[in-house]
Amino acid sequence: MAEPSGTARDPEAVSRFVEHFAAQLVEAGMQRMPARVFGALLASDAGALTSAQLGEQLQISPAAVSGAVRYLAQVHMVSREREPGSRRERYRVHGDQWYEALTNREAVIKRWEDALREGVTSLGADTPAGRRLAETLAFFEFVEKEVEAMMERWRVHREKRFGQ
């Protein structure tokens, strides 16, 4: 299969990478089909493929592509865009997808922190369960601060290494 940009590819090598990387994502907790679609997009020089291209490359149905990209878009790992001059959509992975995905997790962590604070108040800070929740809350507050600092260091490192 040729890349949309015209770069010749060894389809077997691409497939091996996509399946190997997808297996790593599955092992980390991602569903199999979104992992495969993400891997295919990541391996694309353009960083974007249409539903038909994804289906052909991965040998999956349009419904499977649709479900996978819906999930990936929800977790901010891909975006949808119109193909210029066409009604077809293509799906794009961005160079900062990991940054975006991690940054969007901060909102989830904040909701967990709010729920844990409520739990500590409801259960009583002096009870064993309340202390356990307080320790869990302290962990997430620590992680949140560390992630913020790490992301700032990443922005500086990325700019030095890859430019804007």
C-alpha atoms as a PDB file:
ATOM      1  CA  MET A   1       0.000   0.000   0.000  1.00  0.00           C
ATOM      2  CA  ALA A   2       1.342   3.449  -0.875  1.00  0.00           C
ATOM      3  CA  GLU A   3       1.118   6.294   1.590  1.00  0.00           C
ATOM      4  CA  PRO A   4      -1.226   9.104   0.582  1.00  0.00           C
ATOM      5  CA  SER A   5       1.872  11.307   0.205  1.00  0.00           C
ATOM      6  CA  GLY A   6       3.185   8.857  -2.399  1.00  0.00           C
ATOM      7  CA  THR A   7       5.981   7.392  -0.277  1.00  0.00           C
ATOM      8  CA  ALA A   8       6.360   3.682  -1.010  1.00  0.00           C
ATOM      9  CA  ARG A   9       5.993   1.459   2.041  1.00  0.00           C
ATOM     10  CA  ASP A  10       6.632  -2.169   2.797  1.00  0.00           C
ATOM     11  CA  PRO A  11       3.083  -3.192   3.798  1.00  0.00           C
ATOM     12  CA  GLU A  12       4.373  -6.136   5.848  1.00  0.00           C
ATOM     13  CA  ALA A  13       6.734  -3.941   7.881  1.00  0.00           C
ATOM     14  CA  VAL A  14       3.988  -1.374   8.464  1.00  0.00           C
ATOM     15  CA  SER A  15       1.567  -4.100   9.505  1.00  0.00           C
ATOM     16  CA  ARG A  16       4.095  -5.640  11.890  1.00  0.00           C
ATOM     17  CA  PHE A  17       4.716  -2.279  13.545  1.00  0.00           C
ATOM     18  CA  VAL A  18       1.011  -1.433  13.792  1.00  0.00           C
ATOM     19  CA  GLU A  19       0.114  -4.805  15.313  1.00  0.00           C
ATOM     20  CA  HIS A  20       3.086  -4.800  17.703  1.00  0.00           C
ATOM     21  CA  PHE A  21       2.415  -1.249  18.893  1.00  0.00           C
ATOM     22  CA  ALA A  22      -1.314  -1.966  19.176  1.00  0.00           C
ATOM     23  CA  ALA A  23      -0.543  -5.027  21.308  1.00  0.00           C
ATOM     24  CA  GLN A  24       1.450  -2.798  23.667  1.00  0.00           C
ATOM     25  CA  LEU A  25      -1.473  -0.358  23.923  1.00  0.00           C
ATOM     26  CA  VAL A  26      -3.903  -3.236  24.547  1.00  0.00           C
ATOM     27  CA  GLU A  27      -1.662  -4.548  27.290  1.00  0.00           C
ATOM     28  CA  ALA A  28      -1.811  -1.068  28.846  1.00  0.00           C
ATOM     29  CA  GLY A  29      -5.630  -1.135  28.794  1.00  0.00           C
ATOM     30  CA  MET A  30      -6.751   0.267  25.439  1.00  0.00           C
ATOM     31  CA  GLN A  31      -9.321  -1.641  23.398  1.00  0.00           C
ATOM     32  CA  ARG A  32      -7.861  -3.602  20.486  1.00  0.00           C
ATOM     33  CA  MET A  33      -9.523  -1.844  17.530  1.00  0.00           C
ATOM     34  CA  PRO A  34      -8.781   1.739  18.666  1.00  0.00           C
ATOM     35  CA  ALA A  35      -5.197   0.622  19.369  1.00  0.00           C
ATOM     36  CA  ARG A  36      -4.817  -0.738  15.831  1.00  0.00           C
ATOM     37  CA  VAL A  37      -6.356   2.385  14.250  1.00  0.00           C
ATOM     38  CA  PHE A  38      -4.129   4.628  16.355  1.00  0.00           C
ATOM     39  CA  GLY A  39      -1.073   2.617  15.360  1.00  0.00           C
ATOM     40  CA  ALA A  40      -1.972   2.888  11.672  1.00  0.00           C
ATOM     41  CA  LEU A  41      -2.432   6.656  11.935  1.00  0.00           C
ATOM     42  CA  LEU A  42       0.811   7.030  13.844  1.00  0.00           C
ATOM     43  CA  ALA A  43       2.661   5.041  11.151  1.00  0.00           C
ATOM     44  CA  SER A  44       1.252   7.212   8.356  1.00  0.00           C
ATOM     45  CA  ASP A  45       3.616   9.894   7.039  1.00  0.00           C
ATOM     46  CA  ALA A  46       0.682  12.267   6.639  1.00  0.00           C
ATOM     47  CA  GLY A  47      -0.611  11.409  10.102  1.00  0.00           C
ATOM     48  CA  ALA A  48      -4.068  11.204   8.554  1.00  0.00           C
ATOM     49  CA  LEU A  49      -6.045   8.500   6.770  1.00  0.00           C
ATOM     50  CA  THR A  50      -9.613   8.150   5.569  1.00  0.00           C
ATOM     51  CA  SER A  51     -11.970   5.510   6.860  1.00  0.00           C
ATOM     52  CA  ALA A  52     -11.533   3.573   3.602  1.00  0.00           C
ATOM     53  CA  GLN A  53      -7.731   3.684   3.884  1.00  0.00           C
ATOM     54  CA  LEU A  54      -7.859   2.503   7.497  1.00  0.00           C
ATOM     55  CA  GLY A  55     -10.284  -0.279   6.605  1.00  0.00           C
ATOM     56  CA  GLU A  56      -8.114  -1.438   3.703  1.00  0.00           C
ATOM     57  CA  GLN A  57      -4.862  -1.306   5.651  1.00  0.00           C
ATOM     58  CA  LEU A  58      -6.214  -3.025   8.757  1.00  0.00           C
ATOM     59  CA  GLN A  59      -8.687  -5.305   6.952  1.00  0.00           C
ATOM     60  CA  ILE A  60     -11.575  -4.112   9.130  1.00  0.00           C
ATOM     61  CA  SER A  61     -15.135  -2.999   8.461  1.00  0.00           C
ATOM     62  CA  PRO A  62     -16.266   0.631   8.196  1.00  0.00           C
ATOM     63  CA  ALA A  63     -18.239   0.091  11.428  1.00  0.00           C
ATOM     64  CA  ALA A  64     -15.068  -1.031  13.219  1.00  0.00           C
ATOM     65  CA  VAL A  65     -13.210   2.056  11.966  1.00  0.00           C
ATOM     66  CA  SER A  66     -16.092   4.288  13.038  1.00  0.00           C
ATOM     67  CA  GLY A  67     -16.221   2.858  16.558  1.00  0.00           C
ATOM     68  CA  ALA A  68     -12.460   3.055  16.959  1.00  0.00           C
ATOM     69  CA  VAL A  69     -12.152   6.678  15.817  1.00  0.00           C
ATOM     70  CA  ARG A  70     -15.154   7.684  17.931  1.00  0.00           C
ATOM     71  CA  TYR A  71     -13.322   6.364  21.004  1.00  0.00           C
ATOM     72  CA  LEU A  72      -9.978   7.895  19.973  1.00  0.00           C
ATOM     73  CA  ALA A  73     -11.632  11.283  19.365  1.00  0.00           C
ATOM     74  CA  GLN A  74     -13.327  11.142  22.789  1.00  0.00           C
ATOM     75  CA  VAL A  75      -9.972  10.657  24.496  1.00  0.00           C
ATOM     76  CA  HIS A  76      -8.380  13.357  22.310  1.00  0.00           C
ATOM     77  CA  MET A  77      -5.920  11.062  20.573  1.00  0.00           C
ATOM     78  CA  VAL A  78      -7.223  11.793  17.052  1.00  0.00           C
ATOM     79  CA  SER A  79      -9.285  14.464  15.388  1.00  0.00           C
ATOM     80  CA  ARG A  80     -11.698  14.361  12.479  1.00  0.00           C
ATOM     81  CA  GLU A  81     -11.352  16.671   9.505  1.00  0.00           C
ATOM     82  CA  ARG A  82     -12.894  16.996   6.089  1.00  0.00           C
ATOM     83  CA  GLU A  83     -10.800  15.877   3.169  1.00  0.00           C
ATOM     84  CA  PRO A  84     -10.246  19.002   0.998  1.00  0.00           C
ATOM     85  CA  GLY A  85     -12.724  19.088  -1.890  1.00  0.00           C
ATOM     86  CA  SER A  86     -14.613  16.069  -0.592  1.00  0.00           C
ATOM     87  CA  ARG A  87     -17.382  15.128   1.798  1.00  0.00           C
ATOM     88  CA  ARG A  88     -15.221  12.317   3.170  1.00  0.00           C
ATOM     89  CA  GLU A  89     -13.688  12.612   6.592  1.00  0.00           C
ATOM     90  CA  ARG A  90     -10.168  11.695   7.446  1.00  0.00           C
ATOM     91  CA  TYR A  91      -8.761  11.077  10.852  1.00  0.00           C
ATOM     92  CA  ARG A  92      -5.588  12.754  12.061  1.00  0.00           C
ATOM     93  CA  VAL A  93      -3.143  11.997  14.820  1.00  0.00           C
ATOM     94  CA  HIS A  94      -1.161  15.022  15.974  1.00  0.00           C
ATOM     95  CA  GLY A  95       2.451  15.220  17.058  1.00  0.00           C
ATOM     96  CA  ASP A  96       1.300  16.326  20.493  1.00  0.00           C
ATOM     97  CA  GLN A  97      -1.351  13.611  20.943  1.00  0.00           C
ATOM     98  CA  TRP A  98       0.302  12.240  24.079  1.00  0.00           C
ATOM     99  CA  TYR A  99       0.511  15.702  25.584  1.00  0.00           C
ATOM    100  CA  GLU A 100      -3.153  16.343  24.782  1.00  0.00           C
ATOM    101  CA  ALA A 101      -4.294  12.968  26.097  1.00  0.00           C
ATOM    102  CA  LEU A 102      -2.389  13.439  29.353  1.00  0.00           C
ATOM    103  CA  THR A 103      -3.549  17.033  29.743  1.00  0.00           C
ATOM    104  CA  ASN A 104      -7.159  15.944  29.299  1.00  0.00           C
ATOM    105  CA  ARG A 105      -6.659  13.347  32.032  1.00  0.00           C
ATOM    106  CA  GLU A 106      -6.088  16.228  34.445  1.00  0.00           C
ATOM    107  CA  ALA A 107      -9.815  17.019  34.320  1.00  0.00           C
ATOM    108  CA  VAL A 108     -10.581  13.417  35.277  1.00  0.00           C
ATOM    109  CA  ILE A 109      -8.089  13.546  38.147  1.00  0.00           C
ATOM    110  CA  LYS A 110      -9.684  16.778  39.420  1.00  0.00           C
ATOM    111  CA  ARG A 111     -13.105  15.093  39.454  1.00  0.00           C
ATOM    112  CA  TRP A 112     -11.615  12.150  41.366  1.00  0.00           C
ATOM    113  CA  GLU A 113     -10.071  14.570  43.848  1.00  0.00           C
ATOM    114  CA  ASP A 114     -13.443  16.279  44.389  1.00  0.00           C
ATOM    115  CA  ALA A 115     -15.143  12.920  44.957  1.00  0.00           C
ATOM    116  CA  LEU A 116     -12.384  11.833  47.361  1.00  0.00           C
ATOM    117  CA  ARG A 117     -12.656  15.094  49.360  1.00  0.00           C
ATOM    118  CA  GLU A 118     -16.382  14.487  49.662  1.00  0.00           C
ATOM    119  CA  GLY A 119     -15.680  10.905  50.740  1.00  0.00           C
ATOM    120  CA  VAL A 120     -13.229  12.008  53.439  1.00  0.00           C
ATOM    121  CA  THR A 121     -15.849  14.437  54.787  1.00  0.00           C
ATOM    122  CA  SER A 122     -18.661  11.866  54.584  1.00  0.00           C
ATOM    123  CA  LEU A 123     -16.709   9.004  56.147  1.00  0.00           C
ATOM    124  CA  GLY A 124     -14.823  11.099  58.679  1.00  0.00           C
ATOM    125  CA  ALA A 125     -11.138  11.917  58.427  1.00  0.00           C
ATOM    126  CA  ASP A 126     -10.425   9.955  61.622  1.00  0.00           C
ATOM    127  CA  THR A 127     -11.907   6.660  60.422  1.00  0.00           C
ATOM    128  CA  PRO A 128      -9.765   4.008  58.712  1.00  0.00           C
ATOM    129  CA  ALA A 129     -11.719   4.482  55.462  1.00  0.00           C
ATOM    130  CA  GLY A 130     -11.466   8.283  55.738  1.00  0.00           C
ATOM    131  CA  ARG A 131      -7.690   8.077  56.252  1.00  0.00           C
ATOM    132  CA  ARG A 132      -7.398   5.723  53.265  1.00  0.00           C
ATOM    133  CA  LEU A 133      -9.377   8.168  51.105  1.00  0.00           C
ATOM    134  CA  ALA A 134      -7.277  11.087  52.389  1.00  0.00           C
ATOM    135  CA  GLU A 135      -4.096   9.240  51.417  1.00  0.00           C
ATOM    136  CA  THR A 136      -5.546   8.481  47.980  1.00  0.00           C
ATOM    137  CA  LEU A 137      -6.492  12.160  47.601  1.00  0.00           C
ATOM    138  CA  ALA A 138      -2.965  13.215  48.604  1.00  0.00           C
ATOM    139  CA  PHE A 139      -1.560  10.819  45.994  1.00  0.00           C
ATOM    140  CA  PHE A 140      -3.674  12.324  43.203  1.00  0.00           C
ATOM    141  CA  GLU A 141      -2.826  15.874  44.298  1.00  0.00           C
ATOM    142  CA  PHE A 142       0.864  14.918  44.198  1.00  0.00           C
ATOM    143  CA  VAL A 143       0.509  13.285  40.767  1.00  0.00           C
ATOM    144  CA  GLU A 144      -1.357  16.318  39.427  1.00  0.00           C
ATOM    145  CA  LYS A 145       1.441  18.706  40.466  1.00  0.00           C
ATOM    146  CA  GLU A 146       4.125  16.385  39.127  1.00  0.00           C
ATOM    147  CA  VAL A 147       2.343  16.001  35.788  1.00  0.00           C
ATOM    148  CA  GLU A 148       1.998  19.786  35.454  1.00  0.00           C
ATOM    149  CA  ALA A 149       5.714  20.258  36.125  1.00  0.00           C
ATOM    150  CA  MET A 150       6.642  17.387  33.813  1.00  0.00           C
ATOM    151  CA  MET A 151       4.490  18.785  30.995  1.00  0.00           C
ATOM    152  CA  GLU A 152       6.199  22.148  31.297  1.00  0.00           C
ATOM    153  CA  ARG A 153       9.604  20.448  31.122  1.00  0.00           C
ATOM    154  CA  TRP A 154       8.354  18.501  28.071  1.00  0.00           C
ATOM    155  CA  ARG A 155       7.277  21.715  26.285  1.00  0.00           C
ATOM    156  CA  VAL A 156      10.779  23.165  26.771  1.00  0.00           C
ATOM    157  CA  HIS A 157      12.491  19.903  25.764  1.00  0.00           C
ATOM    158  CA  ARG A 158      10.255  19.456  22.707  1.00  0.00           C
ATOM    159  CA  GLU A 159      10.873  23.000  21.507  1.00  0.00           C
ATOM    160  CA  LYS A 160      14.652  22.557  21.859  1.00  0.00           C
ATOM    161  CA  ARG A 161      14.638  19.196  20.115  1.00  0.00           C
ATOM    162  CA  PHE A 162      11.971  19.620  17.430  1.00  0.00           C
ATOM    163  CA  GLY A 163      11.320  23.374  17.217  1.00  0.00           C
ATOM    164  CA  GLN A 164       7.836  24.807  17.037  1.00  0.00           C
END
